[in-house]
Protein backbone atom coordinates (compact mmCIF):
# COMPACT_ATOMS: atom_id res chain seq x y z
CA MET A 1 -16.35 -11.43 -37.33
CA PRO A 2 -19.90 -9.99 -37.19
CA THR A 3 -21.48 -8.69 -40.36
CA GLN A 4 -20.72 -4.99 -40.68
CA THR A 5 -23.91 -2.94 -40.81
CA PRO A 6 -24.30 0.85 -40.87
CA LEU A 7 -25.19 0.78 -37.16
CA ARG A 8 -22.12 -1.30 -36.29
CA SER A 9 -19.92 0.95 -38.39
CA PHE A 10 -21.37 3.93 -36.54
CA VAL A 11 -20.39 2.37 -33.20
CA ARG A 12 -16.97 1.27 -34.43
CA TYR A 13 -15.91 4.71 -35.62
CA GLY A 14 -18.30 6.96 -33.74
CA TYR A 15 -18.08 5.63 -30.19
CA PHE A 16 -14.87 7.45 -29.28
CA PRO A 17 -15.67 10.87 -30.81
CA ILE A 18 -19.20 10.88 -29.38
CA MET A 19 -17.95 10.07 -25.88
CA ALA A 20 -14.70 12.05 -25.86
CA ILE A 21 -15.75 15.06 -27.89
CA GLY A 22 -19.54 15.14 -28.01
CA LEU A 23 -20.54 14.35 -24.42
CA ASN A 24 -17.49 15.99 -22.86
CA GLY A 25 -18.13 19.06 -24.99
CA LEU A 26 -21.75 19.26 -23.84
CA ALA A 27 -20.61 18.93 -20.21
CA ILE A 28 -18.09 21.75 -20.62
CA VAL A 29 -20.76 23.98 -22.16
CA ALA A 30 -23.09 23.21 -19.24
CA ILE A 31 -20.41 23.81 -16.60
CA PHE A 32 -19.38 27.18 -18.04
CA SER A 33 -22.89 28.25 -19.04
CA GLY A 34 -23.31 30.51 -16.05
CA GLY A 35 -26.29 28.51 -14.80
CA SER A 36 -27.09 27.94 -11.15
CA ALA A 37 -25.39 25.13 -9.25
CA SER A 38 -28.57 23.04 -9.36
CA GLU A 39 -28.95 23.56 -13.12
CA VAL A 40 -25.35 22.54 -13.76
CA ALA A 41 -25.69 19.51 -11.47
CA LEU A 42 -28.86 18.40 -13.25
CA ALA A 43 -27.19 18.75 -16.64
CA ILE A 44 -24.15 16.77 -15.53
CA VAL A 45 -26.26 13.94 -14.07
CA ALA A 46 -28.33 13.80 -17.27
CA LEU A 47 -25.18 13.65 -19.42
CA MET A 48 -23.70 10.92 -17.22
CA ALA A 49 -26.89 8.89 -17.67
CA LEU A 50 -26.73 9.49 -21.42
CA ALA A 51 -23.08 8.36 -21.50
CA LEU A 52 -23.95 5.19 -19.59
CA GLY A 53 -26.91 4.42 -21.83
CA PHE A 54 -24.92 4.99 -25.00
CA SER A 55 -22.02 2.89 -23.71
CA PHE A 56 -24.24 -0.06 -22.71
CA GLY A 57 -26.08 0.14 -26.02
CA ALA A 58 -22.84 0.21 -28.00
CA GLU A 59 -21.61 -2.89 -26.16
CA ARG A 60 -24.71 -4.77 -27.33
CA ILE A 61 -24.49 -3.56 -30.93
CA LEU A 62 -20.78 -4.20 -31.50
CA PRO A 63 -19.18 -6.16 -28.63
CA TYR A 64 -15.43 -6.71 -28.53
CA ASN A 65 -16.03 -10.04 -26.78
CA PRO A 66 -19.71 -11.13 -26.85
CA GLU A 67 -19.21 -13.34 -23.78
CA TRP A 68 -18.36 -10.28 -21.69
CA ASN A 69 -21.88 -8.90 -22.15
CA ALA A 70 -23.27 -11.72 -19.99
CA ALA A 71 -23.47 -11.03 -16.25
CA ARG A 72 -21.59 -13.45 -14.00
CA GLY A 73 -23.19 -12.66 -10.69
CA ASP A 74 -21.23 -9.42 -10.60
CA THR A 75 -24.01 -6.94 -11.42
CA GLY A 76 -25.02 -6.14 -7.84
CA ARG A 77 -21.41 -5.78 -6.73
CA ASP A 78 -20.59 -3.49 -9.62
CA ILE A 79 -23.63 -1.30 -8.96
CA ILE A 80 -22.45 -0.83 -5.36
CA HIS A 81 -18.97 0.04 -6.64
CA PHE A 82 -20.54 2.51 -9.06
CA ILE A 83 -22.60 4.27 -6.38
CA VAL A 84 -19.74 4.42 -3.87
CA ASN A 85 -17.03 5.47 -6.28
CA GLU A 86 -19.07 8.02 -8.20
CA SER A 87 -19.79 9.57 -4.81
CA MET A 88 -16.05 9.47 -4.18
CA SER A 89 -15.54 11.33 -7.46
CA LEU A 90 -16.55 14.43 -5.51
CA VAL A 91 -13.21 14.19 -3.68
CA PRO A 92 -11.52 16.61 -6.11
CA LEU A 93 -14.15 19.20 -5.18
CA LEU A 94 -13.87 18.47 -1.48
CA ILE A 95 -10.07 18.62 -1.21
CA VAL A 96 -9.87 22.15 -2.59
CA PRO A 97 -10.34 23.72 0.87
CA ILE A 98 -7.47 21.57 2.19
CA PHE A 99 -5.04 23.44 -0.04
CA VAL A 100 -6.56 26.89 0.28
CA VAL A 101 -3.95 27.96 2.84
CA VAL A 102 -0.95 27.06 0.69
CA ALA A 103 -2.41 27.40 -2.79
CA PRO A 104 -2.15 30.63 -4.77
CA GLU A 105 -5.10 32.98 -5.04
CA PRO A 106 -7.70 32.18 -7.77
CA ASP A 107 -6.10 34.81 -10.02
CA SER A 108 -2.65 33.31 -9.54
CA PRO A 109 -0.17 34.15 -12.30
CA LEU A 110 0.80 30.47 -12.26
CA TRP A 111 -2.49 29.52 -13.90
CA PRO A 112 -2.77 30.37 -17.63
CA THR A 113 -5.95 32.41 -17.22
CA GLY A 114 -5.36 34.28 -20.46
CA TRP A 115 -5.35 31.11 -22.55
CA PRO A 116 -8.49 30.05 -24.47
CA LEU A 117 -10.74 27.80 -22.39
CA ALA A 118 -9.97 24.74 -24.54
CA LEU A 119 -6.23 25.13 -23.93
CA GLN A 120 -6.75 25.60 -20.19
CA ILE A 121 -8.75 22.35 -20.10
CA LEU A 122 -6.06 20.54 -22.11
CA PHE A 123 -3.41 21.94 -19.76
CA SER A 124 -5.31 20.65 -16.72
CA LEU A 125 -5.86 17.25 -18.38
CA LEU A 126 -2.17 16.83 -19.17
CA ILE A 127 -1.08 17.58 -15.60
CA PHE A 128 -3.90 15.50 -14.12
CA ASP A 129 -3.13 12.55 -16.38
CA LEU A 130 0.58 12.69 -15.64
CA GLY A 131 -0.20 12.48 -11.93
CA GLN A 132 -2.64 9.63 -12.55
CA ASN A 133 -0.11 7.78 -14.66
CA LEU A 134 2.70 8.00 -12.10
CA PHE A 135 0.43 7.13 -9.18
CA HIS A 136 -1.00 4.21 -11.16
CA TRP A 137 2.49 2.95 -11.96
CA LEU A 138 3.48 3.28 -8.29
CA SER A 139 0.46 1.21 -7.30
CA HIS A 140 1.93 -1.67 -9.33
CA VAL A 141 5.39 -1.55 -7.80
CA TRP A 142 4.71 -0.66 -4.16
CA THR A 143 2.97 -3.40 -2.18
CA PRO A 144 0.72 -1.24 0.08
CA LEU A 145 -0.76 0.56 -2.92
CA TRP A 146 -0.93 -2.63 -5.00
CA ARG A 147 -3.11 -4.25 -2.36
CA LEU A 148 -5.58 -1.38 -2.68
CA HIS A 149 -5.36 -1.33 -6.47
CA ALA A 150 -5.68 -5.11 -6.89
CA VAL A 151 -9.45 -4.77 -6.37
CA HIS A 152 -9.61 -3.16 -9.80
CA HIS A 153 -7.81 -6.11 -11.40
CA GLN A 154 -10.11 -8.77 -10.00
CA VAL A 155 -12.51 -8.61 -12.97
CA GLU A 156 -12.80 -11.56 -15.33
CA ARG A 157 -14.79 -9.73 -17.99
CA MET A 158 -14.32 -6.19 -19.16
CA TYR A 159 -17.28 -3.89 -19.66
CA ASN A 160 -17.90 -0.23 -19.00
CA PHE A 161 -18.72 -0.53 -15.27
CA ASN A 162 -15.22 -1.92 -14.59
CA GLY A 163 -13.80 1.59 -14.64
CA VAL A 164 -15.38 2.47 -11.31
CA LEU A 165 -14.50 -0.83 -9.68
CA LYS A 166 -11.94 0.52 -7.23
CA HIS A 167 -11.32 0.52 -3.54
CA PRO A 168 -12.61 3.86 -2.16
CA LEU A 169 -9.37 4.49 -0.28
CA TYR A 170 -7.41 4.07 -3.51
CA GLN A 171 -9.86 6.38 -5.27
CA ALA A 172 -9.36 9.08 -2.65
CA LEU A 173 -5.55 8.83 -2.66
CA SER A 174 -5.43 8.94 -6.45
CA ALA A 175 -7.64 12.04 -6.55
CA VAL A 176 -5.54 13.91 -3.97
CA VAL A 177 -2.24 13.10 -5.69
CA SER A 178 -3.54 14.04 -9.15
CA MET A 179 -5.38 17.20 -8.12
CA ALA A 180 -2.81 18.67 -5.72
CA PRO A 181 -0.46 20.07 -8.42
CA LEU A 182 -3.37 21.72 -10.20
CA ILE A 183 -4.70 23.29 -7.04
CA LEU A 184 -1.24 24.56 -6.14
CA LEU A 185 -1.07 26.14 -9.59
CA GLY A 186 -4.27 28.02 -8.81
CA MET A 187 -6.68 26.05 -10.99
CA PRO A 188 -10.21 27.52 -10.77
CA LYS A 189 -12.55 25.25 -8.83
CA THR A 190 -14.86 24.91 -11.84
CA PHE A 191 -12.22 22.88 -13.64
CA SER A 192 -12.50 20.19 -10.95
CA LEU A 193 -16.01 19.44 -12.16
CA VAL A 194 -14.74 19.24 -15.74
CA LEU A 195 -12.13 16.68 -14.67
CA VAL A 196 -14.72 14.69 -12.71
CA PHE A 197 -17.01 14.40 -15.74
CA MET A 198 -14.23 13.72 -18.24
CA SER A 199 -12.75 11.05 -15.97
CA PHE A 200 -16.19 9.41 -15.86
CA THR A 201 -16.53 9.22 -19.63
CA GLN A 202 -12.89 8.19 -20.02
CA LEU A 203 -13.29 5.27 -17.62
CA LEU A 204 -16.25 4.12 -19.71
CA LEU A 205 -14.09 4.41 -22.82
CA GLN A 206 -11.20 2.53 -21.24
CA HIS A 207 -13.20 -0.46 -20.06
CA SER A 208 -15.95 -0.66 -22.65
CA ASN A 209 -16.70 -3.99 -24.29
CA THR A 210 -17.10 -2.30 -27.67
CA ASP A 211 -15.04 -3.16 -30.72
CA HIS A 212 -14.45 0.52 -31.43
CA SER A 213 -11.49 1.73 -33.46
CA ILE A 214 -9.26 4.76 -33.15
CA GLY A 215 -6.62 3.53 -35.60
CA PRO A 216 -3.14 5.00 -35.10
CA PHE A 217 -4.58 7.37 -32.49
CA ARG A 218 -4.19 4.54 -29.98
CA ARG A 219 -0.71 5.99 -29.52
CA VAL A 220 -2.35 9.23 -28.37
CA PHE A 221 -5.57 8.30 -26.54
CA ALA A 222 -5.83 5.61 -23.88
CA THR A 223 -9.12 3.90 -24.74
CA ALA A 224 -10.07 0.25 -24.27
CA VAL A 225 -8.15 -0.54 -27.47
CA VAL A 226 -4.94 -0.37 -25.41
CA HIS A 227 -6.20 -0.42 -21.82
CA ARG A 228 -7.46 -4.01 -22.06
CA PHE A 229 -3.83 -5.13 -22.01
CA HIS A 230 -3.41 -3.41 -18.66
CA HIS A 231 -5.72 -6.10 -17.30
CA GLN A 232 -3.88 -8.95 -19.00
CA ARG A 233 -2.99 -11.66 -16.50
CA GLY A 234 0.40 -12.61 -17.94
CA LEU A 235 1.69 -9.04 -17.96
CA ALA A 236 0.44 -8.44 -14.43
CA GLY A 237 -1.02 -5.22 -15.76
CA ASP A 238 2.39 -3.56 -15.78
CA VAL A 239 1.66 -1.71 -19.04
CA ASN A 240 -0.59 1.09 -20.32
CA PHE A 241 -1.06 3.08 -17.11
CA ALA A 242 -2.49 6.25 -18.67
CA LEU A 243 -6.02 7.45 -18.04
CA PHE A 244 -6.35 9.93 -20.93
CA PHE A 245 -3.18 10.03 -23.03
CA SER A 246 -1.32 6.89 -24.07
CA PHE A 247 1.67 8.91 -25.29
CA PHE A 248 2.73 9.12 -21.64
CA ASP A 249 3.09 5.32 -21.66
CA HIS A 250 5.19 5.49 -24.83
CA LEU A 251 7.31 8.19 -23.20
CA PHE A 252 7.91 6.07 -20.08
CA GLY A 253 8.38 2.81 -22.00
CA ASN A 254 5.22 1.20 -20.61
CA ALA A 255 3.14 0.99 -23.80
CA PHE A 256 1.92 -2.38 -25.10
CA PHE A 257 -0.44 -3.41 -27.92
CA GLU A 258 -1.25 -6.57 -29.84
CA ASP A 259 -3.89 -7.01 -32.53
CA ARG A 260 -5.77 -9.89 -30.94
CA ILE A 261 -8.92 -10.64 -28.95
CA LEU A 262 -8.59 -11.21 -25.20
CA ASP A 263 -10.92 -13.53 -23.33
CA SER A 264 -11.69 -14.09 -19.66
CA HIS A 265 -8.72 -16.44 -19.23
CA ASP A 266 -6.40 -13.62 -20.26
CA ILE A 267 -7.42 -11.12 -17.59
CA GLY A 268 -7.79 -11.02 -13.83
CA LEU A 269 -5.69 -11.88 -10.80
CA ASP A 270 -3.60 -14.95 -10.00
CA TYR A 271 -4.58 -14.93 -6.35
CA VAL A 272 -6.31 -17.94 -4.80
CA ALA A 273 -9.82 -17.21 -3.47
CA TYR A 274 -9.68 -13.46 -4.03
CA PRO A 275 -13.15 -12.15 -3.04
CA ASP A 276 -15.60 -11.28 -5.78
CA ARG A 277 -18.19 -9.52 -3.58
CA TRP A 278 -18.09 -5.84 -2.64
CA TRP A 279 -17.62 -6.17 1.12
CA GLY A 280 -14.96 -8.83 0.69
CA GLN A 281 -13.11 -6.55 -1.71
CA MET A 282 -13.24 -3.72 0.83
CA ARG A 283 -11.35 -5.96 3.28
CA ALA A 284 -9.09 -7.63 0.72
CA PRO A 285 -6.23 -5.04 0.88
CA PHE A 286 -5.74 -5.89 4.53
CA ARG A 287 -5.42 -9.65 3.95
CA GLN A 288 -2.74 -11.91 2.48
CA PHE A 289 -3.54 -14.07 -0.57
CA GLU A 290 -1.71 -17.06 -1.97
CA LEU A 291 -0.61 -17.04 -5.62
CA ARG A 292 -1.79 -19.85 -7.88
CA ASP A 293 1.56 -19.75 -9.62
CA GLN A 294 4.51 -18.69 -7.47
CA ARG A 295 6.30 -17.60 -10.63
CA ALA A 296 3.74 -14.79 -11.01
CA GLN A 297 5.53 -12.62 -8.50
CA ARG A 298 4.59 -9.48 -10.38
CA PHE A 299 1.32 -9.78 -8.53
CA ARG A 300 2.51 -8.29 -5.27
CA GLY A 301 1.85 -10.35 -2.18
């Protein structure tokens, strides 16, 4: 147990509120500031860079597992994943025109326009996260989706970049499924950008190698405190599917938590010779892999 210093205490108890409230709050202010598209884009990019820098710094100051801070030849691959999948995060903005014919008008009575902005954002997050949760669960029980999603479970160390380690096709399908109900409800397009930014910071929170604490709020918010067990090898990741709100997992009976430290032997896939390079992972969903242990049938073949 590392010696607790004021800086480490700051990371332990401040990491979540700074990321979830501070940076997300600044992004919301920028998005609804009335600035030009270029000004808003510049602000969002700057805040994303700040979130990344803060997350990487926090991992060095107070790591959950110090060994996971050391690169294992995965840096280049993860950077490619980051570039590709953050570009794919624009999908929610791009699919809006697809639904314009069937979706209600922007002033649709289905959307709670009269609510305070904070409640509208919470409303959109709840619907978005419910869609994410159900789609995520389906990707663990339906073989075609599991093969796409397995790329995300290949990691053998957990750090903040892991959140964007996804197959682009899975990323696109997940965005369409999660955004469609909101668009059909008449969600203003601006809220798509809010969800894009908040998903970015949340993925950092979920996969961060920081020993941060949220206490009993782990039953409410799905940070790395609970999400690490989604990557646990023995459970085949069939727990803790939520992106934002862990109470959905408690509601569906999929919540799991233990007060212990995971290491690299505890996480990853049980496939033989699963590729660890970006291009190989792009082709992996279309190949068959042998299981090391045939009893681990939860890992869909």
